[in-house]
Amino acid sequence: MIYTVKRIDEDLDFGCEERPKGMPVMAIVTLTNSSGEEIRIKAEDAMLYECNINEGDKVCFDVNNKLEKVALPN
């Protein structure tokens, strides 16, 4: 299934603690499907940069259940 990235927010929820040492910076990614349904997932912020995933992009989940950008035909 193809989703649209609606929003990307920094994950700041560490309870009463700070982010544990060595833990990667995470983002909360809000996705919408073609029916308008929304889901929220956590993804590594560095991976989003590496894959150039931004708000408005089309994405899907790969075989490892990680986000990947969808190349749409022109």
PDB file of N, CA and C in Angstrom:
ATOM      1  N   MET A   1       0.848  -1.180   0.000  1.00  0.00           N
ATOM      2  CA  MET A   1       0.000   0.000   0.000  1.00  0.00           C
ATOM      3  C   MET A   1       0.890   1.238   0.000  1.00  0.00           C
ATOM      4  N   ILE A   2       0.481   2.229  -0.742  1.00  0.00           N
ATOM      5  CA  ILE A   2       1.217   3.488  -0.821  1.00  0.00           C
ATOM      6  C   ILE A   2       0.569   4.509   0.111  1.00  0.00           C
ATOM      7  N   TYR A   3       1.418   5.210   0.846  1.00  0.00           N
ATOM      8  CA  TYR A   3       0.978   6.235   1.787  1.00  0.00           C
ATOM      9  C   TYR A   3       1.585   7.578   1.396  1.00  0.00           C
ATOM     10  N   THR A   4       0.944   8.650   1.838  1.00  0.00           N
ATOM     11  CA  THR A   4       1.493   9.991   1.703  1.00  0.00           C
ATOM     12  C   THR A   4       1.972  10.435   3.075  1.00  0.00           C
ATOM     13  N   VAL A   5       3.183  10.997   3.131  1.00  0.00           N
ATOM     14  CA  VAL A   5       3.714  11.511   4.392  1.00  0.00           C
ATOM     15  C   VAL A   5       3.011  12.841   4.668  1.00  0.00           C
ATOM     16  N   LYS A   6       2.176  12.829   5.687  1.00  0.00           N
ATOM     17  CA  LYS A   6       1.415  14.032   6.024  1.00  0.00           C
ATOM     18  C   LYS A   6       2.220  14.966   6.932  1.00  0.00           C
ATOM     19  N   ARG A   7       2.956  14.357   7.873  1.00  0.00           N
ATOM     20  CA  ARG A   7       3.663  15.169   8.861  1.00  0.00           C
ATOM     21  C   ARG A   7       4.829  14.373   9.435  1.00  0.00           C
ATOM     22  N   ILE A   8       5.908  15.083   9.763  1.00  0.00           N
ATOM     23  CA  ILE A   8       7.059  14.484  10.446  1.00  0.00           C
ATOM     24  C   ILE A   8       7.364  15.353  11.659  1.00  0.00           C
ATOM     25  N   ASP A   9       7.327  14.736  12.839  1.00  0.00           N
ATOM     26  CA  ASP A   9       7.599  15.445  14.086  1.00  0.00           C
ATOM     27  C   ASP A   9       8.709  14.729  14.843  1.00  0.00           C
ATOM     28  N   GLU A  10       9.500  15.487  15.583  1.00  0.00           N
ATOM     29  CA  GLU A  10      10.537  14.891  16.422  1.00  0.00           C
ATOM     30  C   GLU A  10       9.862  14.147  17.569  1.00  0.00           C
ATOM     31  N   ASP A  11      10.362  12.950  17.891  1.00  0.00           N
ATOM     32  CA  ASP A  11       9.831  12.173  19.010  1.00  0.00           C
ATOM     33  C   ASP A  11      10.480  12.683  20.292  1.00  0.00           C
ATOM     34  N   LEU A  12       9.696  13.327  21.129  1.00  0.00           N
ATOM     35  CA  LEU A  12      10.208  13.905  22.368  1.00  0.00           C
ATOM     36  C   LEU A  12       9.703  13.177  23.601  1.00  0.00           C
ATOM     37  N   ASP A  13       9.031  12.036  23.435  1.00  0.00           N
ATOM     38  CA  ASP A  13       8.416  11.326  24.552  1.00  0.00           C
ATOM     39  C   ASP A  13       9.385  10.315  25.153  1.00  0.00           C
ATOM     40  N   PHE A  14      10.080  10.738  26.217  1.00  0.00           N
ATOM     41  CA  PHE A  14      10.990   9.843  26.923  1.00  0.00           C
ATOM     42  C   PHE A  14      10.528   9.628  28.358  1.00  0.00           C
ATOM     43  N   GLY A  15       9.273   9.947  28.643  1.00  0.00           N
ATOM     44  CA  GLY A  15       8.785   9.838  30.015  1.00  0.00           C
ATOM     45  C   GLY A  15       9.461  10.891  30.875  1.00  0.00           C
ATOM     46  N   CYS A  16       9.916  10.495  32.048  1.00  0.00           N
ATOM     47  CA  CYS A  16      10.588  11.417  32.972  1.00  0.00           C
ATOM     48  C   CYS A  16      12.077  11.518  32.690  1.00  0.00           C
ATOM     49  N   GLU A  17      12.565  10.753  31.753  1.00  0.00           N
ATOM     50  CA  GLU A  17      13.993  10.679  31.482  1.00  0.00           C
ATOM     51  C   GLU A  17      14.346  11.429  30.200  1.00  0.00           C
ATOM     52  N   GLU A  18      15.642  11.590  29.985  1.00  0.00           N
ATOM     53  CA  GLU A  18      16.132  12.096  28.716  1.00  0.00           C
ATOM     54  C   GLU A  18      16.273  10.914  27.773  1.00  0.00           C
ATOM     55  N   ARG A  19      16.574  11.204  26.502  1.00  0.00           N
ATOM     56  CA  ARG A  19      16.796  10.132  25.538  1.00  0.00           C
ATOM     57  C   ARG A  19      17.985   9.304  26.023  1.00  0.00           C
ATOM     58  N   PRO A  20      17.805   7.970  26.099  1.00  0.00           N
ATOM     59  CA  PRO A  20      18.895   7.108  26.567  1.00  0.00           C
ATOM     60  C   PRO A  20      20.134   7.252  25.676  1.00  0.00           C
ATOM     61  N   LYS A  21      21.298   7.189  26.309  1.00  0.00           N
ATOM     62  CA  LYS A  21      22.563   7.327  25.591  1.00  0.00           C
ATOM     63  C   LYS A  21      22.677   6.228  24.540  1.00  0.00           C
ATOM     64  N   GLY A  22      23.080   6.617  23.338  1.00  0.00           N
ATOM     65  CA  GLY A  22      23.245   5.656  22.256  1.00  0.00           C
ATOM     66  C   GLY A  22      21.972   5.362  21.480  1.00  0.00           C
ATOM     67  N   MET A  23      20.846   5.854  21.954  1.00  0.00           N
ATOM     68  CA  MET A  23      19.567   5.644  21.274  1.00  0.00           C
ATOM     69  C   MET A  23      19.465   6.627  20.112  1.00  0.00           C
ATOM     70  N   PRO A  24      19.096   6.160  18.908  1.00  0.00           N
ATOM     71  CA  PRO A  24      19.011   7.087  17.773  1.00  0.00           C
ATOM     72  C   PRO A  24      17.869   8.090  17.939  1.00  0.00           C
ATOM     73  N   VAL A  25      18.039   9.246  17.310  1.00  0.00           N
ATOM     74  CA  VAL A  25      16.976  10.249  17.301  1.00  0.00           C
ATOM     75  C   VAL A  25      15.843   9.699  16.440  1.00  0.00           C
ATOM     76  N   MET A  26      14.641   9.723  16.981  1.00  0.00           N
ATOM     77  CA  MET A  26      13.483   9.169  16.284  1.00  0.00           C
ATOM     78  C   MET A  26      12.525  10.294  15.901  1.00  0.00           C
ATOM     79  N   ALA A  27      11.696   9.990  14.904  1.00  0.00           N
ATOM     80  CA  ALA A  27      10.662  10.922  14.455  1.00  0.00           C
ATOM     81  C   ALA A  27       9.332  10.185  14.458  1.00  0.00           C
ATOM     82  N   ILE A  28       8.263  10.930  14.674  1.00  0.00           N
ATOM     83  CA  ILE A  28       6.907  10.400  14.540  1.00  0.00           C
ATOM     84  C   ILE A  28       6.434  10.809  13.146  1.00  0.00           C
ATOM     85  N   VAL A  29       6.128   9.821  12.322  1.00  0.00           N
ATOM     86  CA  VAL A  29       5.713  10.070  10.946  1.00  0.00           C
ATOM     87  C   VAL A  29       4.227   9.764  10.825  1.00  0.00           C
ATOM     88  N   THR A  30       3.443  10.751  10.412  1.00  0.00           N
ATOM     89  CA  THR A  30       2.013  10.562  10.187  1.00  0.00           C
ATOM     90  C   THR A  30       1.811  10.293   8.706  1.00  0.00           C
ATOM     91  N   LEU A  31       1.191   9.145   8.414  1.00  0.00           N
ATOM     92  CA  LEU A  31       0.940   8.726   7.036  1.00  0.00           C
ATOM     93  C   LEU A  31      -0.551   8.674   6.774  1.00  0.00           C
ATOM     94  N   THR A  32      -0.959   8.957   5.538  1.00  0.00           N
ATOM     95  CA  THR A  32      -2.356   8.793   5.143  1.00  0.00           C
ATOM     96  C   THR A  32      -2.401   7.876   3.923  1.00  0.00           C
ATOM     97  N   ASN A  33      -3.435   7.037   3.888  1.00  0.00           N
ATOM     98  CA  ASN A  33      -3.602   6.171   2.716  1.00  0.00           C
ATOM     99  C   ASN A  33      -4.607   6.797   1.763  1.00  0.00           C
ATOM    100  N   SER A  34      -4.917   6.094   0.686  1.00  0.00           N
ATOM    101  CA  SER A  34      -5.811   6.651  -0.342  1.00  0.00           C
ATOM    102  C   SER A  34      -7.231   6.863   0.163  1.00  0.00           C
ATOM    103  N   SER A  35      -7.603   6.208   1.279  1.00  0.00           N
ATOM    104  CA  SER A  35      -8.933   6.385   1.873  1.00  0.00           C
ATOM    105  C   SER A  35      -8.965   7.515   2.887  1.00  0.00           C
ATOM    106  N   GLY A  36      -7.807   8.136   3.127  1.00  0.00           N
ATOM    107  CA  GLY A  36      -7.744   9.227   4.091  1.00  0.00           C
ATOM    108  C   GLY A  36      -7.475   8.779   5.513  1.00  0.00           C
ATOM    109  N   GLU A  37      -7.304   7.474   5.729  1.00  0.00           N
ATOM    110  CA  GLU A  37      -7.012   6.973   7.065  1.00  0.00           C
ATOM    111  C   GLU A  37      -5.579   7.320   7.438  1.00  0.00           C
ATOM    112  N   GLU A  38      -5.365   7.672   8.700  1.00  0.00           N
ATOM    113  CA  GLU A  38      -4.042   8.052   9.176  1.00  0.00           C
ATOM    114  C   GLU A  38      -3.459   6.973  10.072  1.00  0.00           C
ATOM    115  N   ILE A  39      -2.150   6.774   9.949  1.00  0.00           N
ATOM    116  CA  ILE A  39      -1.417   5.957  10.904  1.00  0.00           C
ATOM    117  C   ILE A  39      -0.177   6.741  11.307  1.00  0.00           C
ATOM    118  N   ARG A  40       0.315   6.464  12.501  1.00  0.00           N
ATOM    119  CA  ARG A  40       1.534   7.105  12.987  1.00  0.00           C
ATOM    120  C   ARG A  40       2.542   6.012  13.307  1.00  0.00           C
ATOM    121  N   ILE A  41       3.763   6.228  12.855  1.00  0.00           N
ATOM    122  CA  ILE A  41       4.836   5.282  13.120  1.00  0.00           C
ATOM    123  C   ILE A  41       6.053   6.038  13.631  1.00  0.00           C
ATOM    124  N   LYS A  42       6.959   5.305  14.286  1.00  0.00           N
ATOM    125  CA  LYS A  42       8.249   5.876  14.660  1.00  0.00           C
ATOM    126  C   LYS A  42       9.267   5.410  13.639  1.00  0.00           C
ATOM    127  N   ALA A  43      10.129   6.326  13.223  1.00  0.00           N
ATOM    128  CA  ALA A  43      11.189   6.010  12.278  1.00  0.00           C
ATOM    129  C   ALA A  43      12.441   6.767  12.693  1.00  0.00           C
ATOM    130  N   GLU A  44      13.608   6.182  12.409  1.00  0.00           N
ATOM    131  CA  GLU A  44      14.858   6.865  12.720  1.00  0.00           C
ATOM    132  C   GLU A  44      14.983   8.120  11.860  1.00  0.00           C
ATOM    133  N   ASP A  45      15.257   9.222  12.515  1.00  0.00           N
ATOM    134  CA  ASP A  45      15.387  10.500  11.828  1.00  0.00           C
ATOM    135  C   ASP A  45      16.477  10.433  10.756  1.00  0.00           C
ATOM    136  N   ALA A  46      17.602   9.800  11.066  1.00  0.00           N
ATOM    137  CA  ALA A  46      18.708   9.700  10.107  1.00  0.00           C
ATOM    138  C   ALA A  46      18.284   8.948   8.852  1.00  0.00           C
ATOM    139  N   MET A  47      17.454   7.907   9.004  1.00  0.00           N
ATOM    140  CA  MET A  47      16.976   7.137   7.853  1.00  0.00           C
ATOM    141  C   MET A  47      16.099   8.003   6.954  1.00  0.00           C
ATOM    142  N   LEU A  48      15.269   8.847   7.562  1.00  0.00           N
ATOM    143  CA  LEU A  48      14.417   9.740   6.773  1.00  0.00           C
ATOM    144  C   LEU A  48      15.279  10.677   5.928  1.00  0.00           C
ATOM    145  N   TYR A  49      16.364  11.199   6.516  1.00  0.00           N
ATOM    146  CA  TYR A  49      17.278  12.061   5.765  1.00  0.00           C
ATOM    147  C   TYR A  49      17.990  11.277   4.677  1.00  0.00           C
ATOM    148  N   GLU A  50      18.500  10.083   5.009  1.00  0.00           N
ATOM    149  CA  GLU A  50      19.222   9.260   4.040  1.00  0.00           C
ATOM    150  C   GLU A  50      18.355   8.934   2.825  1.00  0.00           C
ATOM    151  N   CYS A  51      17.084   8.639   3.069  1.00  0.00           N
ATOM    152  CA  CYS A  51      16.163   8.266   1.985  1.00  0.00           C
ATOM    153  C   CYS A  51      15.467   9.476   1.381  1.00  0.00           C
ATOM    154  N   ASN A  52      15.784  10.680   1.896  1.00  0.00           N
ATOM    155  CA  ASN A  52      15.183  11.920   1.418  1.00  0.00           C
ATOM    156  C   ASN A  52      13.648  11.861   1.484  1.00  0.00           C
ATOM    157  N   ILE A  53      13.139  11.355   2.598  1.00  0.00           N
ATOM    158  CA  ILE A  53      11.687  11.281   2.815  1.00  0.00           C
ATOM    159  C   ILE A  53      11.242  12.551   3.523  1.00  0.00           C
ATOM    160  N   ASN A  54      10.311  13.263   2.884  1.00  0.00           N
ATOM    161  CA  ASN A  54       9.822  14.539   3.391  1.00  0.00           C
ATOM    162  C   ASN A  54       8.298  14.560   3.371  1.00  0.00           C
ATOM    163  N   GLU A  55       7.728  15.549   4.041  1.00  0.00           N
ATOM    164  CA  GLU A  55       6.273  15.715   4.023  1.00  0.00           C
ATOM    165  C   GLU A  55       5.811  15.864   2.580  1.00  0.00           C
ATOM    166  N   GLY A  56       4.726  15.161   2.239  1.00  0.00           N
ATOM    167  CA  GLY A  56       4.172  15.213   0.893  1.00  0.00           C
ATOM    168  C   GLY A  56       4.644  14.074  -0.005  1.00  0.00           C
ATOM    169  N   ASP A  57       5.705  13.365   0.404  1.00  0.00           N
ATOM    170  CA  ASP A  57       6.231  12.266  -0.401  1.00  0.00           C
ATOM    171  C   ASP A  57       5.336  11.032  -0.313  1.00  0.00           C
ATOM    172  N   LYS A  58       5.421  10.197  -1.344  1.00  0.00           N
ATOM    173  CA  LYS A  58       4.735   8.905  -1.375  1.00  0.00           C
ATOM    174  C   LYS A  58       5.726   7.858  -0.871  1.00  0.00           C
ATOM    175  N   VAL A  59       5.275   7.007   0.050  1.00  0.00           N
ATOM    176  CA  VAL A  59       6.127   5.983   0.639  1.00  0.00           C
ATOM    177  C   VAL A  59       5.363   4.662   0.755  1.00  0.00           C
ATOM    178  N   CYS A  60       6.116   3.595   0.977  1.00  0.00           N
ATOM    179  CA  CYS A  60       5.522   2.301   1.291  1.00  0.00           C
ATOM    180  C   CYS A  60       6.456   1.605   2.269  1.00  0.00           C
ATOM    181  N   PHE A  61       6.054   0.440   2.752  1.00  0.00           N
ATOM    182  CA  PHE A  61       6.884  -0.339   3.656  1.00  0.00           C
ATOM    183  C   PHE A  61       7.596  -1.417   2.856  1.00  0.00           C
ATOM    184  N   ASP A  62       8.916  -1.572   3.092  1.00  0.00           N
ATOM    185  CA  ASP A  62       9.673  -2.612   2.397  1.00  0.00           C
ATOM    186  C   ASP A  62       9.490  -3.957   3.115  1.00  0.00           C
ATOM    187  N   VAL A  63      10.207  -4.984   2.671  1.00  0.00           N
ATOM    188  CA  VAL A  63      10.056  -6.319   3.252  1.00  0.00           C
ATOM    189  C   VAL A  63      10.474  -6.373   4.713  1.00  0.00           C
ATOM    190  N   ASN A  64      11.280  -5.401   5.164  1.00  0.00           N
ATOM    191  CA  ASN A  64      11.703  -5.333   6.567  1.00  0.00           C
ATOM    192  C   ASN A  64      10.829  -4.392   7.384  1.00  0.00           C
ATOM    193  N   ASN A  65       9.700  -3.978   6.800  1.00  0.00           N
ATOM    194  CA  ASN A  65       8.740  -3.088   7.453  1.00  0.00           C
ATOM    195  C   ASN A  65       9.333  -1.700   7.733  1.00  0.00           C
ATOM    196  N   LYS A  66      10.261  -1.255   6.884  1.00  0.00           N
ATOM    197  CA  LYS A  66      10.842   0.083   6.978  1.00  0.00           C
ATOM    198  C   LYS A  66      10.297   0.921   5.838  1.00  0.00           C
ATOM    199  N   LEU A  67      10.206   2.229   6.075  1.00  0.00           N
ATOM    200  CA  LEU A  67       9.702   3.122   5.041  1.00  0.00           C
ATOM    201  C   LEU A  67      10.687   3.225   3.878  1.00  0.00           C
ATOM    202  N   GLU A  68      10.151   3.284   2.676  1.00  0.00           N
ATOM    203  CA  GLU A  68      10.961   3.598   1.509  1.00  0.00           C
ATOM    204  C   GLU A  68      10.144   4.516   0.604  1.00  0.00           C
ATOM    205  N   LYS A  69      10.849   5.430  -0.044  1.00  0.00           N
ATOM    206  CA  LYS A  69      10.221   6.399  -0.922  1.00  0.00           C
ATOM    207  C   LYS A  69       9.800   5.700  -2.205  1.00  0.00           C
ATOM    208  N   VAL A  70       8.624   6.051  -2.704  1.00  0.00           N
ATOM    209  CA  VAL A  70       8.098   5.467  -3.938  1.00  0.00           C
ATOM    210  C   VAL A  70       8.405   6.410  -5.086  1.00  0.00           C
ATOM    211  N   ALA A  71       9.032   5.878  -6.110  1.00  0.00           N
ATOM    212  CA  ALA A  71       9.297   6.667  -7.313  1.00  0.00           C
ATOM    213  C   ALA A  71       8.077   6.546  -8.226  1.00  0.00           C
ATOM    214  N   LEU A  72       7.383   7.644  -8.404  1.00  0.00           N
ATOM    215  CA  LEU A  72       6.188   7.646  -9.230  1.00  0.00           C
ATOM    216  C   LEU A  72       6.554   8.010 -10.659  1.00  0.00           C
ATOM    217  N   PRO A  73       5.899   7.379 -11.648  1.00  0.00           N
ATOM    218  CA  PRO A  73       6.182   7.725 -13.036  1.00  0.00           C
ATOM    219  C   PRO A  73       5.750   9.152 -13.341  1.00  0.00           C
ATOM    220  N   ASN A  74       6.462   9.791 -14.250  1.00  0.00           N
ATOM    221  CA  ASN A  74       6.130  11.194 -14.618  1.00  0.00           C
ATOM    222  C   ASN A  74       4.947  11.262 -15.524  1.00  0.00           C
TER     223      ASN A  74
END
